[in-house]
Amino acid sequence: WKDMRRPVSTGIEGMMGGKAQVVGKTRDGAKVLLRGELWDAVCGDELAVGDTVKVTRFERMKLVVRKETNSGGL
C-alpha cells in the first residue's frame, strides 16, 4: 500500500517541482541542468548563470521555471 502513495518520480510529472541549475542564457530564455539533462527553459524573471530555479510547468518541450529566492536564515 505504501508504494501506491509514493509521488511520481518518472516522466514529465516527476520533473514538476524539481530544482534545476541555470548553466547558460539563450535568446528567449535559459539552458538549465535538471537531473543530468540540459533543457530549454523560460522564466518571467531575469535569470543569470548559476541561479537555482524550480520547475512549475512543461510547455512545448520547454520547462517553465521560477527563480528560487534565498530566504536568508538566522
Protein backbone atom coordinates (compact mmCIF):
# COMPACT_ATOMS: atom_id res chain seq x y z
CA TRP A 1 0.00 0.00 0.00
CA LYS A 2 2.86 2.39 0.69
CA ASP A 3 4.03 2.07 -2.91
CA MET A 4 0.66 3.33 -4.14
CA ARG A 5 1.10 6.58 -2.17
CA ARG A 6 4.58 7.43 -3.43
CA PRO A 7 4.86 10.58 -5.54
CA VAL A 8 5.52 10.16 -9.26
CA SER A 9 9.25 10.14 -9.94
CA THR A 10 9.43 9.50 -13.70
CA GLY A 11 8.40 11.32 -16.84
CA ILE A 12 7.14 14.86 -17.04
CA GLU A 13 5.13 14.53 -13.82
CA GLY A 14 8.31 13.64 -11.94
CA MET A 15 10.01 16.86 -13.08
CA MET A 16 7.37 19.16 -11.64
CA GLY A 17 8.68 20.91 -8.55
CA GLY A 18 12.25 19.81 -9.26
CA LYS A 19 15.15 22.20 -8.81
CA ALA A 20 17.47 22.96 -11.70
CA GLN A 21 20.65 24.97 -12.17
CA VAL A 22 20.96 27.66 -14.86
CA VAL A 23 24.02 26.85 -16.99
CA GLY A 24 23.56 29.30 -19.86
CA LYS A 25 21.40 32.02 -21.34
CA THR A 26 19.61 31.86 -24.67
CA ARG A 27 17.87 34.45 -26.80
CA ASP A 28 14.44 33.61 -25.41
CA GLY A 29 15.24 32.02 -22.04
CA ALA A 30 17.93 29.86 -20.48
CA LYS A 31 19.53 26.43 -20.53
CA VAL A 32 19.07 24.55 -17.27
CA LEU A 33 20.52 21.32 -15.93
CA LEU A 34 17.86 19.08 -14.39
CA ARG A 35 18.68 15.52 -13.30
CA GLY A 36 21.75 15.44 -15.52
CA GLU A 37 19.91 16.62 -18.65
CA LEU A 38 20.02 20.01 -20.39
CA TRP A 39 16.64 21.64 -21.04
CA ASP A 40 15.46 24.90 -22.58
CA ALA A 41 13.62 26.96 -20.00
CA VAL A 42 11.57 30.13 -19.90
CA CYS A 43 11.03 32.34 -16.88
CA GLY A 44 9.26 35.60 -16.14
CA ASP A 45 12.24 36.77 -14.08
CA GLU A 46 15.72 37.64 -15.29
CA LEU A 47 17.99 34.63 -14.87
CA ALA A 48 21.77 34.52 -14.51
CA VAL A 49 24.17 31.60 -14.84
CA GLY A 50 24.36 29.80 -11.51
CA ASP A 51 20.80 30.65 -10.37
CA THR A 52 18.64 27.89 -8.94
CA VAL A 53 15.16 27.58 -10.41
CA LYS A 54 12.09 25.46 -9.68
CA VAL A 55 10.13 23.73 -12.44
CA THR A 56 6.47 24.80 -12.50
CA ARG A 57 5.19 23.59 -15.90
CA PHE A 58 6.17 21.92 -19.15
CA GLU A 59 5.16 23.63 -22.41
CA ARG A 60 6.14 22.65 -25.96
CA MET A 61 9.39 20.89 -24.99
CA LYS A 62 10.44 23.75 -22.71
CA LEU A 63 10.37 23.94 -18.95
CA VAL A 64 8.59 26.88 -17.39
CA VAL A 65 10.51 27.79 -14.25
CA ARG A 66 10.55 30.36 -11.50
CA LYS A 67 13.59 31.71 -9.74
CA GLU A 68 14.24 30.38 -6.25
CA THR A 69 14.65 33.10 -3.68
CA ASN A 70 17.27 32.84 -0.99
CA SER A 71 15.47 33.26 2.30
CA GLY A 72 18.37 34.43 4.43
CA GLY A 73 18.49 32.31 7.54
CA LEU A 74 19.50 33.38 11.02
